[in-house]
Protein backbone atom coordinates (compact mmCIF):
# COMPACT_ATOMS: atom_id res chain seq x y z
CA MET A 1 23.23 -11.68 -42.82
CA SER A 2 20.73 -13.67 -40.82
CA GLN A 3 18.11 -15.90 -42.42
CA MET A 4 14.48 -14.86 -42.12
CA MET A 5 12.02 -17.19 -40.37
CA SER A 6 8.24 -17.38 -40.68
CA VAL A 7 5.93 -17.90 -37.72
CA ALA A 8 5.80 -21.62 -38.61
CA ASP A 9 9.62 -21.82 -38.77
CA VAL A 10 9.97 -20.13 -35.38
CA ALA A 11 7.29 -22.37 -33.84
CA ALA A 12 9.09 -25.48 -35.08
CA PHE A 13 12.49 -24.20 -33.89
CA LEU A 14 11.19 -23.30 -30.42
CA ASN A 15 8.88 -26.35 -30.26
CA VAL A 16 5.84 -24.20 -29.46
CA SER A 17 2.58 -23.46 -31.25
CA GLU A 18 2.26 -20.78 -33.92
CA VAL A 19 -0.23 -19.00 -31.66
CA ARG A 20 2.49 -18.79 -28.99
CA VAL A 21 4.91 -17.21 -31.48
CA GLU A 22 2.28 -14.66 -32.49
CA ARG A 23 1.70 -13.84 -28.80
CA LEU A 24 5.45 -13.42 -28.22
CA ALA A 25 5.51 -10.97 -31.13
CA ARG A 26 2.44 -9.11 -29.88
CA GLU A 27 4.00 -8.78 -26.41
CA LYS A 28 7.30 -7.61 -27.96
CA LEU A 29 9.21 -10.53 -26.45
CA LEU A 30 10.22 -11.61 -29.95
CA VAL A 31 10.29 -8.68 -32.35
CA PRO A 32 9.60 -9.31 -36.04
CA VAL A 33 11.94 -7.72 -38.57
CA GLU A 34 9.23 -7.20 -41.16
CA GLU A 35 5.98 -8.64 -42.48
CA ASP A 36 5.59 -10.94 -45.44
CA SER A 37 3.31 -10.18 -48.40
CA GLU A 38 0.33 -11.58 -46.46
CA GLY A 39 0.97 -9.44 -43.36
CA HIS A 40 2.46 -12.21 -41.21
CA PRO A 41 5.50 -11.39 -39.08
CA VAL A 42 8.95 -12.52 -40.23
CA PHE A 43 11.77 -12.95 -37.71
CA SER A 44 15.55 -12.87 -37.85
CA GLU A 45 17.06 -16.28 -37.16
CA ASP A 46 19.71 -14.64 -34.95
CA ASP A 47 17.00 -12.95 -32.84
CA VAL A 48 15.12 -16.23 -32.47
CA LYS A 49 18.27 -18.04 -31.36
CA ARG A 50 19.04 -15.30 -28.82
CA TYR A 51 15.48 -15.49 -27.50
CA LYS A 52 15.73 -19.29 -27.13
CA THR A 53 19.04 -18.97 -25.24
CA LEU A 54 17.55 -16.38 -22.89
CA ALA A 55 14.34 -18.38 -22.35
CA ASP A 56 16.36 -21.53 -21.60
CA ARG A 57 18.42 -19.62 -19.02
CA LEU A 58 15.24 -18.34 -17.39
CA GLY A 59 13.73 -21.79 -17.06
CA GLY A 60 12.37 -22.61 -20.48
CA LEU A 61 9.67 -21.53 -22.84
């Protein structure tokens, strides 16, 4: 099973701002698995890695 990543974790992994991660989620480019107890999106590590691979192939984030 994949690890879950917070917005901050994803931002650090992708080297982007947390606002950018929230926008990616809002635009359904990176789909959260669930929300944490405070209503923030939580992402699957596997999904984040796949997104990074795709974004790199398309010219970067």
